[in-house]
Amino acid sequence: MDGPKLSDGPPTHYRSVFISDVHLGTRGCQAELLLDFLRQMTCEQMYLIGDIVDGWRMKGGWYWRQSHNDVVQKILRLARKGAKVTYVPGNHDDRVRDFCGVHFGGVVVARDAIHQTADGRRFLVLHGDEFDGVVRHAPALALAGDLAYRIVLSLNTHLNRLRRRLGFGYWSLSAFLKSKVKNALQFIDSFEHAVSAEAHRRGVDGVICGHIHKAQMRDIDGIAYINDGDWVESCTALVEHSDGRLEILEWATMRSWSMIERARRIEAPETIELEPAPGLESLIA
């Protein structure tokens, strides 16, 4: 699907936007693509569904490009302009859970949330890590898995740099590997059923989550299961239209990398190392 050109008319307006698993502060974060998406839309409500800033990785040192800072500033600007922004922390930014109920620059932190669509459906909004047995019961194994995942993402970064030079679009090596590994498929299926069961227990129509980096919309035992994906592999967001219709946007597919490179050359320096936005350190320290 072809997205709108950078020079086309006003931004697209959505009733609600859901993003998760951005992992700001890591080399695998596709901040330029996310920033491009944020510049091409407006919304009445935004949900940040966890792992927005990668506190696990940043404990070992900062990697903070200008584009990472720009993403934070763009979200804060949306809040200042009247969008209701709710931050539901995940496992990589779990320290933010200590601030549930607190407002930061117009962004309210919540353990989870209930979102009602324009057509009256009620959705439980959560990150989902509490339904991941490895994260809950084997944290050392989770950290080892995170290291292996970062290695794959590093390979993914180099591979896509080569693909851009050859004129090809973005492609996720890590997503491809997960789709081919039986244990990964079993884990994803178990996770999807577990969060859907929680939505059923809470008496809502569906669940919107993140955590497993796999964008998906499907029915599970009468519950609408929706995962908004991530911004290190699939580069996807969930949007709600004015009539309540929900849609997953595959932004890397909709936008060509040549457009991203053009925007970067025009609007920002190639790369700089800098401190994060004011106040961000307190959320992950």
C-alpha atoms as a PDB file:
ATOM      1  CA  MET A   1       0.000   0.000   0.000  1.00  0.00           C
ATOM      2  CA  ASP A   2       1.342   3.445  -0.903  1.00  0.00           C
ATOM      3  CA  GLY A   3       1.163   6.110   1.774  1.00  0.00           C
ATOM      4  CA  PRO A   4       0.656   9.843   1.216  1.00  0.00           C
ATOM      5  CA  LYS A   5       3.622  11.838  -0.065  1.00  0.00           C
ATOM      6  CA  LEU A   6       5.508  14.117   2.292  1.00  0.00           C
ATOM      7  CA  SER A   7       4.275  17.143   0.362  1.00  0.00           C
ATOM      8  CA  ASP A   8       0.593  16.094   0.341  1.00  0.00           C
ATOM      9  CA  GLY A   9      -2.102  18.145   2.202  1.00  0.00           C
ATOM     10  CA  PRO A  10      -2.903  18.234   5.895  1.00  0.00           C
ATOM     11  CA  PRO A  11      -2.110  15.348   8.277  1.00  0.00           C
ATOM     12  CA  THR A  12      -4.615  12.510   8.553  1.00  0.00           C
ATOM     13  CA  HIS A  13      -6.809  12.820  11.637  1.00  0.00           C
ATOM     14  CA  TYR A  14      -7.620   9.764  13.772  1.00  0.00           C
ATOM     15  CA  ARG A  15      -9.874   9.457  16.768  1.00  0.00           C
ATOM     16  CA  SER A  16      -7.264   7.350  18.594  1.00  0.00           C
ATOM     17  CA  VAL A  17      -3.740   6.083  17.977  1.00  0.00           C
ATOM     18  CA  PHE A  18      -2.003   3.197  19.764  1.00  0.00           C
ATOM     19  CA  ILE A  19       1.767   2.595  19.630  1.00  0.00           C
ATOM     20  CA  SER A  20       4.067   0.405  21.691  1.00  0.00           C
ATOM     21  CA  ASP A  21       7.530  -1.142  21.840  1.00  0.00           C
ATOM     22  CA  VAL A  22       9.393   1.843  20.428  1.00  0.00           C
ATOM     23  CA  HIS A  23      12.526   1.081  22.491  1.00  0.00           C
ATOM     24  CA  LEU A  24      13.929   4.594  22.400  1.00  0.00           C
ATOM     25  CA  GLY A  25      17.531   4.549  23.568  1.00  0.00           C
ATOM     26  CA  THR A  26      18.521   1.527  21.475  1.00  0.00           C
ATOM     27  CA  ARG A  27      20.165   1.211  18.074  1.00  0.00           C
ATOM     28  CA  GLY A  28      17.328  -0.972  16.810  1.00  0.00           C
ATOM     29  CA  CYS A  29      14.696   1.719  17.326  1.00  0.00           C
ATOM     30  CA  GLN A  30      13.216   2.930  14.029  1.00  0.00           C
ATOM     31  CA  ALA A  31      12.723   6.449  15.364  1.00  0.00           C
ATOM     32  CA  GLU A  32      12.906   8.105  11.927  1.00  0.00           C
ATOM     33  CA  LEU A  33       9.966   6.047  10.685  1.00  0.00           C
ATOM     34  CA  LEU A  34       7.962   6.713  13.850  1.00  0.00           C
ATOM     35  CA  LEU A  35       8.702  10.420  13.633  1.00  0.00           C
ATOM     36  CA  ASP A  36       7.529  10.390  10.019  1.00  0.00           C
ATOM     37  CA  PHE A  37       4.262   8.730  11.113  1.00  0.00           C
ATOM     38  CA  LEU A  38       3.735  11.246  13.934  1.00  0.00           C
ATOM     39  CA  ARG A  39       4.248  14.130  11.529  1.00  0.00           C
ATOM     40  CA  GLN A  40       1.654  12.732   9.132  1.00  0.00           C
ATOM     41  CA  MET A  41      -1.212  12.463  11.625  1.00  0.00           C
ATOM     42  CA  THR A  42      -3.205  14.156  14.386  1.00  0.00           C
ATOM     43  CA  CYS A  43      -5.395  12.456  16.962  1.00  0.00           C
ATOM     44  CA  GLU A  44      -7.765  13.081  19.835  1.00  0.00           C
ATOM     45  CA  GLN A  45      -6.278  10.336  22.004  1.00  0.00           C
ATOM     46  CA  MET A  46      -2.969   8.487  22.013  1.00  0.00           C
ATOM     47  CA  TYR A  47      -2.022   5.408  23.991  1.00  0.00           C
ATOM     48  CA  LEU A  48       1.661   4.599  24.557  1.00  0.00           C
ATOM     49  CA  ILE A  49       1.420   0.907  25.410  1.00  0.00           C
ATOM     50  CA  GLY A  50       4.763   0.173  27.000  1.00  0.00           C
ATOM     51  CA  ASP A  51       8.465  -0.206  26.197  1.00  0.00           C
ATOM     52  CA  ILE A  52       8.527   3.322  24.812  1.00  0.00           C
ATOM     53  CA  VAL A  53      11.932   3.954  26.404  1.00  0.00           C
ATOM     54  CA  ASP A  54      14.180   0.918  26.859  1.00  0.00           C
ATOM     55  CA  GLY A  55      15.309   1.206  30.474  1.00  0.00           C
ATOM     56  CA  TRP A  56      16.941  -2.246  30.398  1.00  0.00           C
ATOM     57  CA  ARG A  57      19.338  -1.272  27.631  1.00  0.00           C
ATOM     58  CA  MET A  58      19.958   2.266  28.816  1.00  0.00           C
ATOM     59  CA  LYS A  59      21.221   1.107  32.197  1.00  0.00           C
ATOM     60  CA  GLY A  60      24.360   0.040  30.309  1.00  0.00           C
ATOM     61  CA  GLY A  61      24.826   3.368  28.530  1.00  0.00           C
ATOM     62  CA  TRP A  62      22.973   5.956  26.509  1.00  0.00           C
ATOM     63  CA  TYR A  63      22.300   5.750  22.798  1.00  0.00           C
ATOM     64  CA  TRP A  64      20.158   8.769  22.106  1.00  0.00           C
ATOM     65  CA  ARG A  65      19.978  10.209  18.584  1.00  0.00           C
ATOM     66  CA  GLN A  66      18.311  13.475  17.673  1.00  0.00           C
ATOM     67  CA  SER A  67      15.406  11.498  16.196  1.00  0.00           C
ATOM     68  CA  HIS A  68      14.798   9.824  19.577  1.00  0.00           C
ATOM     69  CA  ASN A  69      14.548  13.201  21.235  1.00  0.00           C
ATOM     70  CA  ASP A  70      12.294  14.448  18.430  1.00  0.00           C
ATOM     71  CA  VAL A  71       9.857  11.566  19.013  1.00  0.00           C
ATOM     72  CA  VAL A  72       9.532  12.495  22.694  1.00  0.00           C
ATOM     73  CA  GLN A  73       9.068  16.174  21.873  1.00  0.00           C
ATOM     74  CA  LYS A  74       6.482  15.401  19.176  1.00  0.00           C
ATOM     75  CA  ILE A  75       4.383  13.341  21.593  1.00  0.00           C
ATOM     76  CA  LEU A  76       4.583  16.075  24.230  1.00  0.00           C
ATOM     77  CA  ARG A  77       3.559  18.601  21.574  1.00  0.00           C
ATOM     78  CA  LEU A  78       0.495  16.504  20.728  1.00  0.00           C
ATOM     79  CA  ALA A  79      -0.463  16.566  24.408  1.00  0.00           C
ATOM     80  CA  ARG A  80      -0.002  20.341  24.601  1.00  0.00           C
ATOM     81  CA  LYS A  81      -2.263  20.760  21.576  1.00  0.00           C
ATOM     82  CA  GLY A  82      -5.078  18.926  23.324  1.00  0.00           C
ATOM     83  CA  ALA A  83      -4.608  15.220  22.569  1.00  0.00           C
ATOM     84  CA  LYS A  84      -5.246  12.991  25.576  1.00  0.00           C
ATOM     85  CA  VAL A  85      -2.066  10.906  25.975  1.00  0.00           C
ATOM     86  CA  THR A  86      -2.028   7.838  28.240  1.00  0.00           C
ATOM     87  CA  TYR A  87       1.232   6.026  28.997  1.00  0.00           C
ATOM     88  CA  VAL A  88       0.810   2.365  29.991  1.00  0.00           C
ATOM     89  CA  PRO A  89       4.346   1.165  30.909  1.00  0.00           C
ATOM     90  CA  GLY A  90       5.804  -2.197  29.908  1.00  0.00           C
ATOM     91  CA  ASN A  91       8.599  -4.397  31.226  1.00  0.00           C
ATOM     92  CA  HIS A  92      11.437  -2.415  29.614  1.00  0.00           C
ATOM     93  CA  ASP A  93      10.153   0.826  31.148  1.00  0.00           C
ATOM     94  CA  ASP A  94       8.666  -0.776  34.259  1.00  0.00           C
ATOM     95  CA  ARG A  95      10.094   1.887  36.572  1.00  0.00           C
ATOM     96  CA  VAL A  96       7.519   4.266  35.130  1.00  0.00           C
ATOM     97  CA  ARG A  97       4.866   2.146  36.871  1.00  0.00           C
ATOM     98  CA  ASP A  98       5.938   3.812  40.115  1.00  0.00           C
ATOM     99  CA  PHE A  99       4.312   6.981  38.734  1.00  0.00           C
ATOM    100  CA  CYS A 100       0.835   5.635  37.906  1.00  0.00           C
ATOM    101  CA  GLY A 101      -1.693   8.451  38.218  1.00  0.00           C
ATOM    102  CA  VAL A 102       0.974  11.132  37.743  1.00  0.00           C
ATOM    103  CA  HIS A 103       0.932  13.590  34.824  1.00  0.00           C
ATOM    104  CA  PHE A 104       4.143  14.416  32.944  1.00  0.00           C
ATOM    105  CA  GLY A 105       3.778  17.294  30.509  1.00  0.00           C
ATOM    106  CA  GLY A 106       0.156  16.375  29.827  1.00  0.00           C
ATOM    107  CA  VAL A 107       0.870  12.625  29.645  1.00  0.00           C
ATOM    108  CA  VAL A 108      -0.861  10.538  32.321  1.00  0.00           C
ATOM    109  CA  VAL A 109       0.700   7.251  33.467  1.00  0.00           C
ATOM    110  CA  ALA A 110      -1.658   4.300  34.065  1.00  0.00           C
ATOM    111  CA  ARG A 111      -1.193   0.607  34.898  1.00  0.00           C
ATOM    112  CA  ASP A 112      -3.784  -0.204  32.243  1.00  0.00           C
ATOM    113  CA  ALA A 113      -6.809   1.499  30.720  1.00  0.00           C
ATOM    114  CA  ILE A 114     -10.256   0.896  29.259  1.00  0.00           C
ATOM    115  CA  HIS A 115     -10.801   2.490  25.864  1.00  0.00           C
ATOM    116  CA  GLN A 116     -14.273   2.882  24.359  1.00  0.00           C
ATOM    117  CA  THR A 117     -14.420   3.200  20.596  1.00  0.00           C
ATOM    118  CA  ALA A 118     -16.769   5.513  18.731  1.00  0.00           C
ATOM    119  CA  ASP A 119     -19.069   2.566  17.999  1.00  0.00           C
ATOM    120  CA  GLY A 120     -19.349   1.642  21.685  1.00  0.00           C
ATOM    121  CA  ARG A 121     -16.928  -1.268  22.022  1.00  0.00           C
ATOM    122  CA  ARG A 122     -14.811  -1.439  25.171  1.00  0.00           C
ATOM    123  CA  PHE A 123     -11.156  -2.531  25.014  1.00  0.00           C
ATOM    124  CA  LEU A 124      -8.706  -3.364  27.776  1.00  0.00           C
ATOM    125  CA  VAL A 125      -5.418  -1.577  26.997  1.00  0.00           C
ATOM    126  CA  LEU A 126      -2.256  -3.063  28.522  1.00  0.00           C
ATOM    127  CA  HIS A 127       1.318  -3.885  27.573  1.00  0.00           C
ATOM    128  CA  GLY A 128       1.013  -7.606  28.235  1.00  0.00           C
ATOM    129  CA  ASP A 129       4.289  -8.562  29.918  1.00  0.00           C
ATOM    130  CA  GLU A 130       2.405  -9.803  32.976  1.00  0.00           C
ATOM    131  CA  PHE A 131       1.154 -12.663  30.772  1.00  0.00           C
ATOM    132  CA  ASP A 132       4.688 -13.623  29.697  1.00  0.00           C
ATOM    133  CA  GLY A 133       5.860 -16.452  31.956  1.00  0.00           C
ATOM    134  CA  VAL A 134       9.523 -15.895  31.094  1.00  0.00           C
ATOM    135  CA  VAL A 135       9.423 -12.249  32.129  1.00  0.00           C
ATOM    136  CA  ARG A 136       7.510 -13.044  35.325  1.00  0.00           C
ATOM    137  CA  HIS A 137       9.271 -16.191  36.531  1.00  0.00           C
ATOM    138  CA  ALA A 138      12.689 -16.292  34.819  1.00  0.00           C
ATOM    139  CA  PRO A 139      14.066 -12.746  34.640  1.00  0.00           C
ATOM    140  CA  ALA A 140      17.629 -13.938  33.982  1.00  0.00           C
ATOM    141  CA  LEU A 141      16.405 -15.908  30.978  1.00  0.00           C
ATOM    142  CA  ALA A 142      14.442 -12.859  29.830  1.00  0.00           C
ATOM    143  CA  LEU A 143      17.625 -10.751  29.951  1.00  0.00           C
ATOM    144  CA  ALA A 144      19.534 -13.412  27.984  1.00  0.00           C
ATOM    145  CA  GLY A 145      16.767 -13.471  25.421  1.00  0.00           C
ATOM    146  CA  ASP A 146      16.890  -9.692  25.230  1.00  0.00           C
ATOM    147  CA  LEU A 147      20.624  -9.849  24.441  1.00  0.00           C
ATOM    148  CA  ALA A 148      20.051 -12.376  21.653  1.00  0.00           C
ATOM    149  CA  TYR A 149      17.235 -10.235  20.309  1.00  0.00           C
ATOM    150  CA  ARG A 150      19.483  -7.150  20.213  1.00  0.00           C
ATOM    151  CA  ILE A 151      22.081  -9.098  18.209  1.00  0.00           C
ATOM    152  CA  VAL A 152      19.428 -10.042  15.647  1.00  0.00           C
ATOM    153  CA  LEU A 153      18.241  -6.416  15.519  1.00  0.00           C
ATOM    154  CA  SER A 154      21.808  -5.270  14.903  1.00  0.00           C
ATOM    155  CA  LEU A 155      22.035  -7.666  11.960  1.00  0.00           C
ATOM    156  CA  ASN A 156      18.647  -6.359  10.838  1.00  0.00           C
ATOM    157  CA  THR A 157      19.973  -2.769  10.876  1.00  0.00           C
ATOM    158  CA  HIS A 158      22.989  -3.622   8.708  1.00  0.00           C
ATOM    159  CA  LEU A 159      20.882  -5.709   6.348  1.00  0.00           C
ATOM    160  CA  ASN A 160      18.381  -2.899   5.785  1.00  0.00           C
ATOM    161  CA  ARG A 161      21.160  -0.372   5.254  1.00  0.00           C
ATOM    162  CA  LEU A 162      22.367  -2.586   2.410  1.00  0.00           C
ATOM    163  CA  ARG A 163      18.798  -3.007   1.103  1.00  0.00           C
ATOM    164  CA  ARG A 164      18.305   0.784   0.997  1.00  0.00           C
ATOM    165  CA  ARG A 165      21.510   1.198  -1.007  1.00  0.00           C
ATOM    166  CA  LEU A 166      20.214  -1.383  -3.468  1.00  0.00           C
ATOM    167  CA  GLY A 167      16.866   0.381  -3.725  1.00  0.00           C
ATOM    168  CA  PHE A 168      14.787  -2.125  -1.740  1.00  0.00           C
ATOM    169  CA  GLY A 169      12.277  -1.314   1.018  1.00  0.00           C
ATOM    170  CA  TYR A 170      12.425  -2.173   4.716  1.00  0.00           C
ATOM    171  CA  TRP A 171      12.318  -5.870   5.713  1.00  0.00           C
ATOM    172  CA  SER A 172      12.462  -7.346   9.220  1.00  0.00           C
ATOM    173  CA  LEU A 173      14.892 -10.233   9.673  1.00  0.00           C
ATOM    174  CA  SER A 174      13.801 -10.782  13.286  1.00  0.00           C
ATOM    175  CA  ALA A 175      10.112 -10.951  12.356  1.00  0.00           C
ATOM    176  CA  PHE A 176      10.959 -13.445   9.608  1.00  0.00           C
ATOM    177  CA  LEU A 177      12.897 -15.658  12.027  1.00  0.00           C
ATOM    178  CA  LYS A 178      10.070 -15.612  14.564  1.00  0.00           C
ATOM    179  CA  SER A 179       7.597 -16.657  11.878  1.00  0.00           C
ATOM    180  CA  LYS A 180       9.734 -19.733  11.129  1.00  0.00           C
ATOM    181  CA  VAL A 181      10.505 -20.933  14.672  1.00  0.00           C
ATOM    182  CA  LYS A 182       7.937 -23.350  16.102  1.00  0.00           C
ATOM    183  CA  ASN A 183       8.536 -22.432  19.755  1.00  0.00           C
ATOM    184  CA  ALA A 184       8.116 -18.742  18.977  1.00  0.00           C
ATOM    185  CA  LEU A 185       4.808 -19.449  17.246  1.00  0.00           C
ATOM    186  CA  GLN A 186       3.610 -21.476  20.241  1.00  0.00           C
ATOM    187  CA  PHE A 187       4.636 -18.690  22.627  1.00  0.00           C
ATOM    188  CA  ILE A 188       2.786 -16.067  20.570  1.00  0.00           C
ATOM    189  CA  ASP A 189      -0.374 -18.180  20.449  1.00  0.00           C
ATOM    190  CA  SER A 190      -0.258 -18.803  24.217  1.00  0.00           C
ATOM    191  CA  PHE A 191       0.268 -15.110  24.891  1.00  0.00           C
ATOM    192  CA  GLU A 192      -2.637 -14.076  22.657  1.00  0.00           C
ATOM    193  CA  HIS A 193      -4.999 -16.502  24.393  1.00  0.00           C
ATOM    194  CA  ALA A 194      -3.835 -15.417  27.865  1.00  0.00           C
ATOM    195  CA  VAL A 195      -4.458 -11.689  27.320  1.00  0.00           C
ATOM    196  CA  SER A 196      -7.767 -12.439  25.600  1.00  0.00           C
ATOM    197  CA  ALA A 197      -8.842 -14.486  28.621  1.00  0.00           C
ATOM    198  CA  GLU A 198      -8.035 -11.496  30.832  1.00  0.00           C
ATOM    199  CA  ALA A 199     -10.208  -9.268  28.646  1.00  0.00           C
ATOM    200  CA  HIS A 200     -13.032 -11.813  28.971  1.00  0.00           C
ATOM    201  CA  ARG A 201     -12.583 -11.863  32.755  1.00  0.00           C
ATOM    202  CA  ARG A 202     -12.867  -8.067  32.849  1.00  0.00           C
ATOM    203  CA  GLY A 203     -16.069  -8.117  30.832  1.00  0.00           C
ATOM    204  CA  VAL A 204     -14.856  -6.072  27.859  1.00  0.00           C
ATOM    205  CA  ASP A 205     -15.168  -6.634  24.128  1.00  0.00           C
ATOM    206  CA  GLY A 206     -11.481  -6.886  23.330  1.00  0.00           C
ATOM    207  CA  VAL A 207      -7.874  -6.226  24.276  1.00  0.00           C
ATOM    208  CA  ILE A 208      -5.240  -3.961  22.755  1.00  0.00           C
ATOM    209  CA  CYS A 209      -1.667  -4.791  23.738  1.00  0.00           C
ATOM    210  CA  GLY A 210       1.971  -4.867  22.659  1.00  0.00           C
ATOM    211  CA  HIS A 211       4.994  -6.715  24.101  1.00  0.00           C
ATOM    212  CA  ILE A 212       5.511  -9.540  21.567  1.00  0.00           C
ATOM    213  CA  HIS A 213       6.305  -7.291  18.562  1.00  0.00           C
ATOM    214  CA  LYS A 214       3.732  -8.969  16.306  1.00  0.00           C
ATOM    215  CA  ALA A 215       0.943  -6.827  14.886  1.00  0.00           C
ATOM    216  CA  GLN A 216      -2.253  -8.851  14.771  1.00  0.00           C
ATOM    217  CA  MET A 217      -6.042  -8.507  14.725  1.00  0.00           C
ATOM    218  CA  ARG A 218      -8.149 -11.615  15.265  1.00  0.00           C
ATOM    219  CA  ASP A 219     -11.066 -13.050  17.189  1.00  0.00           C
ATOM    220  CA  ILE A 220     -10.245 -15.383  20.084  1.00  0.00           C
ATOM    221  CA  ASP A 221     -13.260 -17.026  21.690  1.00  0.00           C
ATOM    222  CA  GLY A 222     -15.444 -13.983  21.057  1.00  0.00           C
ATOM    223  CA  ILE A 223     -12.796 -11.475  22.202  1.00  0.00           C
ATOM    224  CA  ALA A 224     -11.238  -9.053  19.721  1.00  0.00           C
ATOM    225  CA  TYR A 225      -7.481  -9.505  20.183  1.00  0.00           C
ATOM    226  CA  ILE A 226      -5.403  -6.648  18.755  1.00  0.00           C
ATOM    227  CA  ASN A 227      -1.644  -6.174  19.022  1.00  0.00           C
ATOM    228  CA  ASP A 228      -0.316  -2.868  17.675  1.00  0.00           C
ATOM    229  CA  GLY A 229       3.123  -4.294  16.861  1.00  0.00           C
ATOM    230  CA  ASP A 230       6.313  -2.318  17.411  1.00  0.00           C
ATOM    231  CA  TRP A 231       8.795   0.226  16.045  1.00  0.00           C
ATOM    232  CA  VAL A 232      11.915  -1.948  15.833  1.00  0.00           C
ATOM    233  CA  GLU A 233      10.635  -4.714  13.529  1.00  0.00           C
ATOM    234  CA  SER A 234       7.238  -4.275  11.899  1.00  0.00           C
ATOM    235  CA  CYS A 235       6.935  -0.479  12.408  1.00  0.00           C
ATOM    236  CA  THR A 236       3.174  -0.585  12.899  1.00  0.00           C
ATOM    237  CA  ALA A 237       0.536   1.453  14.700  1.00  0.00           C
ATOM    238  CA  LEU A 238      -3.108   0.812  15.492  1.00  0.00           C
ATOM    239  CA  VAL A 239      -5.468   3.658  14.609  1.00  0.00           C
ATOM    240  CA  GLU A 240      -9.149   4.234  15.287  1.00  0.00           C
ATOM    241  CA  HIS A 241     -11.139   6.083  12.644  1.00  0.00           C
ATOM    242  CA  SER A 242     -13.977   8.471  13.454  1.00  0.00           C
ATOM    243  CA  ASP A 243     -16.583   5.714  13.070  1.00  0.00           C
ATOM    244  CA  GLY A 244     -14.802   3.367  15.503  1.00  0.00           C
ATOM    245  CA  ARG A 245     -13.177   1.219  12.845  1.00  0.00           C
ATOM    246  CA  LEU A 246      -9.771  -0.074  13.931  1.00  0.00           C
ATOM    247  CA  GLU A 247      -6.900  -0.518  11.484  1.00  0.00           C
ATOM    248  CA  ILE A 248      -3.262  -1.551  11.738  1.00  0.00           C
ATOM    249  CA  LEU A 249      -1.007   0.693   9.654  1.00  0.00           C
ATOM    250  CA  GLU A 250       2.176  -0.976   8.379  1.00  0.00           C
ATOM    251  CA  TRP A 251       4.138   2.243   8.127  1.00  0.00           C
ATOM    252  CA  ALA A 252       7.360   0.722   6.783  1.00  0.00           C
ATOM    253  CA  THR A 253       5.354  -0.730   3.916  1.00  0.00           C
ATOM    254  CA  MET A 254       3.345   2.428   3.311  1.00  0.00           C
ATOM    255  CA  ARG A 255       6.398   4.686   3.244  1.00  0.00           C
ATOM    256  CA  SER A 256       9.509   4.101   1.188  1.00  0.00           C
ATOM    257  CA  TRP A 257      12.916   4.504   2.820  1.00  0.00           C
ATOM    258  CA  SER A 258      13.892   7.018   0.153  1.00  0.00           C
ATOM    259  CA  MET A 259      11.285   9.391   1.588  1.00  0.00           C
ATOM    260  CA  ILE A 260      12.626   8.896   5.102  1.00  0.00           C
ATOM    261  CA  GLU A 261      16.161   9.647   3.938  1.00  0.00           C
ATOM    262  CA  ARG A 262      14.911  12.755   2.140  1.00  0.00           C
ATOM    263  CA  ALA A 263      13.145  13.995   5.250  1.00  0.00           C
ATOM    264  CA  ARG A 264      16.214  13.308   7.389  1.00  0.00           C
ATOM    265  CA  ARG A 265      18.535  15.251   5.077  1.00  0.00           C
ATOM    266  CA  ILE A 266      16.187  18.230   4.956  1.00  0.00           C
ATOM    267  CA  GLU A 267      15.056  18.405   8.564  1.00  0.00           C
ATOM    268  CA  ALA A 268      17.731  16.935  10.843  1.00  0.00           C
ATOM    269  CA  PRO A 269      21.450  16.224  11.143  1.00  0.00           C
ATOM    270  CA  GLU A 270      22.506  12.668  10.406  1.00  0.00           C
ATOM    271  CA  THR A 271      23.290  11.694  13.994  1.00  0.00           C
ATOM    272  CA  ILE A 272      24.291  13.217  17.307  1.00  0.00           C
ATOM    273  CA  GLU A 273      24.741  11.873  20.790  1.00  0.00           C
ATOM    274  CA  LEU A 274      22.906  13.884  23.437  1.00  0.00           C
ATOM    275  CA  GLU A 275      21.133  13.709  26.729  1.00  0.00           C
ATOM    276  CA  PRO A 276      17.448  12.701  26.709  1.00  0.00           C
ATOM    277  CA  ALA A 277      14.587  15.150  27.055  1.00  0.00           C
ATOM    278  CA  PRO A 278      14.451  16.952  30.448  1.00  0.00           C
ATOM    279  CA  GLY A 279      12.945  14.777  33.141  1.00  0.00           C
ATOM    280  CA  LEU A 280      13.327  11.524  31.189  1.00  0.00           C
ATOM    281  CA  GLU A 281      16.210  10.290  33.348  1.00  0.00           C
ATOM    282  CA  SER A 282      13.964  10.205  36.435  1.00  0.00           C
ATOM    283  CA  LEU A 283      11.603   7.763  34.735  1.00  0.00           C
ATOM    284  CA  ILE A 284      14.222   5.084  34.073  1.00  0.00           C
ATOM    285  CA  ALA A 285      16.850   5.654  36.758  1.00  0.00           C
END
